[in-house]
Amino acid sequence: MSPRKTYILKLYVAGNTPNSMRALKTLRNILETEFRGVYALKVIDVLKNPQLAEDDKILATPTLAKILPPPVRRIIGDLSDRERVLIGLDLLYDELSDNMLTSSFLNDSDEESAPATSDS
């Protein structure tokens, strides 16, 4: 896999609503299992800090914003679709790309070493 990047994330929530709490719980689970300490997460309650949400043009909660590494990405919802979250954070895409390159390399090697057959 490619070298680990440091992720800067902001999760915008609206108080302790079920969707906000589910998003936070799901995100923490993903971060602990997939990112292993190479992230910084800031949770912003838009009810307490509406100006921060307005400045960042947050229109719905919960919203996860990936600030770094670029490009900035936003995922809206309770983050229950783990694959969508990983793709949105560019983590799953990197792993898929690495796996596809490895798989492609192995398949090319197999084809080169396979004996040719004729249909005579």
N, C-alpha and C. Protein backbone atom coordinates (compact mmCIF):
# COMPACT_ATOMS: atom_id res chain seq x y z
N MET A 1 0.84 -1.19 0.00
CA MET A 1 0.00 0.00 0.00
C MET A 1 0.89 1.24 0.00
N SER A 2 0.36 2.34 -0.49
CA SER A 2 1.10 3.59 -0.55
C SER A 2 1.35 4.12 0.86
N PRO A 3 2.33 5.02 1.02
CA PRO A 3 2.62 5.56 2.34
C PRO A 3 1.39 6.22 2.94
N ARG A 4 1.26 6.09 4.26
CA ARG A 4 0.09 6.64 4.95
C ARG A 4 0.09 8.16 4.91
N LYS A 5 -1.09 8.72 4.68
CA LYS A 5 -1.28 10.16 4.69
C LYS A 5 -1.86 10.53 6.04
N THR A 6 -1.69 11.79 6.44
CA THR A 6 -2.35 12.28 7.64
C THR A 6 -3.65 12.93 7.20
N TYR A 7 -4.74 12.55 7.85
CA TYR A 7 -6.06 13.05 7.50
C TYR A 7 -6.52 14.06 8.52
N ILE A 8 -7.02 15.20 8.05
CA ILE A 8 -7.64 16.22 8.90
C ILE A 8 -9.12 16.20 8.55
N LEU A 9 -9.95 15.91 9.54
CA LEU A 9 -11.38 15.73 9.33
C LEU A 9 -12.19 16.61 10.26
N LYS A 10 -13.34 17.07 9.75
CA LYS A 10 -14.30 17.79 10.58
C LYS A 10 -15.65 17.10 10.43
N LEU A 11 -16.27 16.79 11.56
CA LEU A 11 -17.61 16.22 11.55
C LEU A 11 -18.57 17.25 12.13
N TYR A 12 -19.50 17.68 11.30
CA TYR A 12 -20.52 18.66 11.71
C TYR A 12 -21.76 17.90 12.15
N VAL A 13 -22.19 18.14 13.38
CA VAL A 13 -23.37 17.48 13.93
C VAL A 13 -24.33 18.53 14.46
N ALA A 14 -25.58 18.11 14.69
CA ALA A 14 -26.59 19.01 15.27
C ALA A 14 -27.01 18.44 16.61
N GLY A 15 -26.27 18.78 17.64
CA GLY A 15 -26.59 18.29 18.97
C GLY A 15 -26.41 16.78 19.09
N ASN A 16 -27.25 16.18 19.94
CA ASN A 16 -27.16 14.74 20.21
C ASN A 16 -28.25 13.96 19.50
N THR A 17 -28.56 14.32 18.28
CA THR A 17 -29.59 13.61 17.54
C THR A 17 -29.11 12.19 17.23
N PRO A 18 -30.04 11.25 17.01
CA PRO A 18 -29.63 9.88 16.70
C PRO A 18 -28.70 9.80 15.48
N ASN A 19 -28.99 10.54 14.42
CA ASN A 19 -28.12 10.51 13.24
C ASN A 19 -26.73 11.05 13.55
N SER A 20 -26.66 12.10 14.33
CA SER A 20 -25.36 12.67 14.69
C SER A 20 -24.55 11.70 15.54
N MET A 21 -25.19 11.07 16.50
CA MET A 21 -24.48 10.12 17.36
C MET A 21 -24.05 8.87 16.58
N ARG A 22 -24.90 8.42 15.66
CA ARG A 22 -24.56 7.27 14.81
C ARG A 22 -23.37 7.60 13.92
N ALA A 23 -23.38 8.80 13.36
CA ALA A 23 -22.27 9.22 12.49
C ALA A 23 -20.96 9.27 13.28
N LEU A 24 -21.00 9.82 14.48
CA LEU A 24 -19.79 9.93 15.30
C LEU A 24 -19.28 8.54 15.69
N LYS A 25 -20.18 7.67 16.11
CA LYS A 25 -19.79 6.31 16.50
C LYS A 25 -19.20 5.55 15.31
N THR A 26 -19.85 5.64 14.16
CA THR A 26 -19.38 4.95 12.96
C THR A 26 -18.03 5.50 12.53
N LEU A 27 -17.89 6.82 12.52
CA LEU A 27 -16.65 7.44 12.11
C LEU A 27 -15.50 7.04 13.04
N ARG A 28 -15.75 7.06 14.32
CA ARG A 28 -14.68 6.68 15.27
C ARG A 28 -14.25 5.24 15.03
N ASN A 29 -15.22 4.35 14.76
CA ASN A 29 -14.89 2.96 14.47
C ASN A 29 -14.02 2.86 13.22
N ILE A 30 -14.40 3.58 12.17
CA ILE A 30 -13.62 3.56 10.92
C ILE A 30 -12.21 4.12 11.16
N LEU A 31 -12.13 5.21 11.89
CA LEU A 31 -10.83 5.84 12.12
C LEU A 31 -9.91 4.93 12.93
N GLU A 32 -10.45 4.26 13.94
CA GLU A 32 -9.62 3.39 14.77
C GLU A 32 -9.17 2.15 14.03
N THR A 33 -10.00 1.61 13.15
CA THR A 33 -9.63 0.39 12.45
C THR A 33 -8.84 0.65 11.18
N GLU A 34 -9.12 1.73 10.47
CA GLU A 34 -8.50 1.97 9.18
C GLU A 34 -7.35 2.99 9.22
N PHE A 35 -7.41 3.95 10.12
CA PHE A 35 -6.45 5.04 10.08
C PHE A 35 -5.37 4.94 11.15
N ARG A 36 -5.61 4.20 12.19
CA ARG A 36 -4.61 3.90 13.22
C ARG A 36 -3.76 5.10 13.63
N GLY A 37 -4.41 6.17 14.03
CA GLY A 37 -3.68 7.30 14.61
C GLY A 37 -3.13 8.31 13.63
N VAL A 38 -3.42 8.19 12.33
CA VAL A 38 -2.89 9.17 11.37
C VAL A 38 -3.99 10.14 10.95
N TYR A 39 -4.72 10.63 11.94
CA TYR A 39 -5.82 11.54 11.65
C TYR A 39 -6.02 12.51 12.81
N ALA A 40 -6.66 13.62 12.49
CA ALA A 40 -7.12 14.57 13.51
C ALA A 40 -8.59 14.83 13.20
N LEU A 41 -9.42 14.67 14.21
CA LEU A 41 -10.87 14.84 14.04
C LEU A 41 -11.35 15.96 14.94
N LYS A 42 -12.11 16.89 14.35
CA LYS A 42 -12.75 17.94 15.12
C LYS A 42 -14.25 17.78 14.93
N VAL A 43 -14.98 17.64 16.04
CA VAL A 43 -16.43 17.53 15.99
C VAL A 43 -17.01 18.91 16.28
N ILE A 44 -17.85 19.39 15.38
CA ILE A 44 -18.42 20.73 15.50
C ILE A 44 -19.93 20.61 15.62
N ASP A 45 -20.47 21.08 16.73
CA ASP A 45 -21.92 21.10 16.93
C ASP A 45 -22.44 22.41 16.35
N VAL A 46 -23.20 22.30 15.26
CA VAL A 46 -23.67 23.51 14.57
C VAL A 46 -24.71 24.27 15.39
N LEU A 47 -25.33 23.61 16.37
CA LEU A 47 -26.27 24.32 17.23
C LEU A 47 -25.53 25.26 18.18
N LYS A 48 -24.32 24.86 18.58
CA LYS A 48 -23.51 25.69 19.47
C LYS A 48 -22.61 26.65 18.69
N ASN A 49 -22.24 26.28 17.48
CA ASN A 49 -21.32 27.09 16.66
C ASN A 49 -21.87 27.26 15.25
N PRO A 50 -23.00 27.93 15.11
CA PRO A 50 -23.59 28.07 13.77
C PRO A 50 -22.71 28.84 12.79
N GLN A 51 -21.89 29.74 13.29
CA GLN A 51 -21.03 30.53 12.42
C GLN A 51 -20.00 29.64 11.71
N LEU A 52 -19.48 28.62 12.41
CA LEU A 52 -18.52 27.71 11.78
C LEU A 52 -19.16 26.95 10.62
N ALA A 53 -20.41 26.52 10.83
CA ALA A 53 -21.12 25.81 9.77
C ALA A 53 -21.38 26.75 8.59
N GLU A 54 -21.75 27.97 8.90
CA GLU A 54 -22.01 28.94 7.83
C GLU A 54 -20.73 29.26 7.06
N ASP A 55 -19.63 29.46 7.77
CA ASP A 55 -18.35 29.76 7.12
C ASP A 55 -17.92 28.64 6.18
N ASP A 56 -18.18 27.40 6.59
CA ASP A 56 -17.78 26.24 5.78
C ASP A 56 -18.88 25.78 4.84
N LYS A 57 -19.96 26.54 4.76
CA LYS A 57 -21.09 26.27 3.85
C LYS A 57 -21.70 24.88 4.07
N ILE A 58 -21.90 24.55 5.34
CA ILE A 58 -22.53 23.28 5.71
C ILE A 58 -24.03 23.50 5.74
N LEU A 59 -24.75 22.74 4.91
CA LEU A 59 -26.20 22.91 4.79
C LEU A 59 -26.99 21.80 5.46
N ALA A 60 -26.35 20.67 5.75
CA ALA A 60 -27.05 19.53 6.36
C ALA A 60 -26.12 18.86 7.36
N THR A 61 -26.73 18.20 8.34
CA THR A 61 -25.94 17.43 9.31
C THR A 61 -26.52 16.03 9.41
N PRO A 62 -25.70 15.07 9.76
CA PRO A 62 -24.26 15.19 9.92
C PRO A 62 -23.54 15.30 8.58
N THR A 63 -22.44 16.03 8.57
CA THR A 63 -21.58 16.15 7.40
C THR A 63 -20.14 15.93 7.84
N LEU A 64 -19.47 15.05 7.13
CA LEU A 64 -18.04 14.82 7.36
C LEU A 64 -17.28 15.53 6.26
N ALA A 65 -16.33 16.38 6.65
CA ALA A 65 -15.49 17.08 5.68
C ALA A 65 -14.06 16.59 5.84
N LYS A 66 -13.48 16.14 4.74
CA LYS A 66 -12.06 15.77 4.73
C LYS A 66 -11.32 16.99 4.22
N ILE A 67 -10.54 17.60 5.08
CA ILE A 67 -9.82 18.82 4.75
C ILE A 67 -8.48 18.47 4.09
N LEU A 68 -7.74 17.59 4.70
CA LEU A 68 -6.46 17.12 4.18
C LEU A 68 -6.44 15.61 4.20
N PRO A 69 -5.79 14.95 3.27
CA PRO A 69 -5.10 15.51 2.11
C PRO A 69 -6.11 15.97 1.06
N PRO A 70 -5.69 16.89 0.20
CA PRO A 70 -6.59 17.37 -0.85
C PRO A 70 -6.98 16.24 -1.79
N PRO A 71 -8.07 16.35 -2.47
CA PRO A 71 -9.01 17.46 -2.47
C PRO A 71 -9.96 17.39 -1.28
N VAL A 72 -10.55 18.54 -0.94
CA VAL A 72 -11.55 18.57 0.13
C VAL A 72 -12.76 17.77 -0.35
N ARG A 73 -13.26 16.92 0.52
CA ARG A 73 -14.43 16.10 0.20
C ARG A 73 -15.43 16.20 1.34
N ARG A 74 -16.72 16.08 0.99
CA ARG A 74 -17.78 16.09 2.02
C ARG A 74 -18.66 14.88 1.84
N ILE A 75 -19.02 14.29 2.95
CA ILE A 75 -19.95 13.16 2.96
C ILE A 75 -21.09 13.54 3.89
N ILE A 76 -22.30 13.51 3.36
CA ILE A 76 -23.47 13.91 4.15
C ILE A 76 -24.24 12.65 4.54
N GLY A 77 -24.64 12.57 5.81
CA GLY A 77 -25.44 11.45 6.27
C GLY A 77 -24.82 10.83 7.52
N ASP A 78 -25.41 9.71 7.95
CA ASP A 78 -24.97 9.11 9.21
C ASP A 78 -23.73 8.22 9.06
N LEU A 79 -23.14 8.18 7.87
CA LEU A 79 -21.89 7.47 7.60
C LEU A 79 -22.02 5.95 7.77
N SER A 80 -23.24 5.44 7.69
CA SER A 80 -23.45 4.01 7.90
C SER A 80 -22.96 3.16 6.73
N ASP A 81 -22.78 3.77 5.56
CA ASP A 81 -22.25 3.05 4.41
C ASP A 81 -20.73 3.14 4.44
N ARG A 82 -20.11 2.17 5.11
CA ARG A 82 -18.67 2.17 5.35
C ARG A 82 -17.86 2.32 4.05
N GLU A 83 -18.26 1.59 3.01
CA GLU A 83 -17.52 1.64 1.74
C GLU A 83 -17.57 3.04 1.14
N ARG A 84 -18.73 3.67 1.20
CA ARG A 84 -18.88 5.02 0.67
C ARG A 84 -18.00 6.02 1.44
N VAL A 85 -17.92 5.82 2.76
CA VAL A 85 -17.08 6.70 3.57
C VAL A 85 -15.61 6.50 3.20
N LEU A 86 -15.18 5.25 3.07
CA LEU A 86 -13.78 4.99 2.72
C LEU A 86 -13.44 5.52 1.34
N ILE A 87 -14.34 5.38 0.40
CA ILE A 87 -14.12 5.94 -0.94
C ILE A 87 -14.06 7.47 -0.85
N GLY A 88 -14.97 8.05 -0.08
CA GLY A 88 -14.98 9.51 0.09
C GLY A 88 -13.71 10.04 0.72
N LEU A 89 -13.09 9.24 1.57
CA LEU A 89 -11.84 9.65 2.20
C LEU A 89 -10.62 9.25 1.38
N ASP A 90 -10.85 8.68 0.22
CA ASP A 90 -9.78 8.22 -0.68
C ASP A 90 -8.98 7.05 -0.13
N LEU A 91 -9.44 6.42 0.93
CA LEU A 91 -8.69 5.30 1.48
C LEU A 91 -8.97 4.03 0.69
N LEU A 92 -10.23 3.75 0.42
CA LEU A 92 -10.57 2.54 -0.31
C LEU A 92 -10.06 2.63 -1.74
N TYR A 93 -10.12 3.80 -2.34
CA TYR A 93 -9.63 3.96 -3.70
C TYR A 93 -8.14 3.63 -3.78
N ASP A 94 -7.36 4.11 -2.80
CA ASP A 94 -5.92 3.82 -2.78
C ASP A 94 -5.68 2.32 -2.66
N GLU A 95 -6.43 1.66 -1.77
CA GLU A 95 -6.26 0.22 -1.59
C GLU A 95 -6.68 -0.53 -2.85
N LEU A 96 -7.80 -0.11 -3.47
CA LEU A 96 -8.24 -0.76 -4.70
C LEU A 96 -7.21 -0.57 -5.80
N SER A 97 -6.65 0.62 -5.91
CA SER A 97 -5.64 0.89 -6.93
C SER A 97 -4.41 0.03 -6.71
N ASP A 98 -3.95 -0.07 -5.45
CA ASP A 98 -2.79 -0.90 -5.15
C ASP A 98 -3.07 -2.36 -5.46
N ASN A 99 -4.26 -2.84 -5.08
CA ASN A 99 -4.62 -4.23 -5.33
C ASN A 99 -4.74 -4.49 -6.83
N MET A 100 -5.31 -3.54 -7.57
CA MET A 100 -5.46 -3.72 -9.01
C MET A 100 -4.09 -3.76 -9.69
N LEU A 101 -3.16 -2.91 -9.25
CA LEU A 101 -1.82 -2.93 -9.82
C LEU A 101 -1.14 -4.25 -9.54
N THR A 102 -1.23 -4.73 -8.30
CA THR A 102 -0.62 -6.01 -7.93
C THR A 102 -1.26 -7.14 -8.71
N SER A 103 -2.58 -7.14 -8.78
CA SER A 103 -3.31 -8.18 -9.50
C SER A 103 -2.96 -8.14 -10.98
N SER A 104 -2.89 -6.96 -11.55
CA SER A 104 -2.56 -6.80 -12.96
C SER A 104 -1.15 -7.31 -13.23
N PHE A 105 -0.22 -6.99 -12.34
CA PHE A 105 1.15 -7.44 -12.49
C PHE A 105 1.23 -8.96 -12.43
N LEU A 106 0.52 -9.55 -11.47
CA LEU A 106 0.53 -11.01 -11.33
C LEU A 106 -0.10 -11.67 -12.55
N ASN A 107 -1.20 -11.13 -13.05
CA ASN A 107 -1.86 -11.70 -14.23
C ASN A 107 -0.95 -11.61 -15.46
N ASP A 108 -0.26 -10.48 -15.62
CA ASP A 108 0.66 -10.32 -16.75
C ASP A 108 1.79 -11.34 -16.66
N SER A 109 2.30 -11.57 -15.45
CA SER A 109 3.38 -12.54 -15.25
C SER A 109 2.91 -13.94 -15.58
N ASP A 110 1.67 -14.28 -15.18
CA ASP A 110 1.12 -15.61 -15.45
C ASP A 110 1.00 -15.84 -16.94
N GLU A 111 0.52 -14.82 -17.66
CA GLU A 111 0.34 -14.95 -19.10
C GLU A 111 1.66 -15.15 -19.82
N GLU A 112 2.70 -14.45 -19.35
CA GLU A 112 4.00 -14.56 -20.00
C GLU A 112 4.62 -15.93 -19.78
N SER A 113 4.39 -16.54 -18.61
CA SER A 113 5.02 -17.80 -18.29
C SER A 113 4.19 -19.00 -18.74
N ALA A 114 2.94 -18.79 -19.14
CA ALA A 114 2.10 -19.90 -19.55
C ALA A 114 2.53 -20.38 -20.93
N PRO A 115 2.61 -21.72 -21.11
CA PRO A 115 3.01 -22.23 -22.43
C PRO A 115 1.91 -21.97 -23.46
N ALA A 116 2.34 -21.71 -24.67
CA ALA A 116 1.38 -21.46 -25.74
C ALA A 116 0.81 -22.79 -26.21
N THR A 117 -0.48 -22.80 -26.51
CA THR A 117 -1.12 -24.02 -27.02
C THR A 117 -1.60 -23.76 -28.42
N SER A 118 -1.60 -24.81 -29.23
CA SER A 118 -2.10 -24.64 -30.60
C SER A 118 -3.29 -25.54 -30.80
N ASP A 119 -4.18 -25.15 -31.67
CA ASP A 119 -5.38 -25.93 -31.96
C ASP A 119 -5.24 -26.60 -33.32
N SER A 120 -4.18 -27.41 -33.53
CA SER A 120 -4.02 -28.04 -34.85
C SER A 120 -4.67 -29.38 -34.94
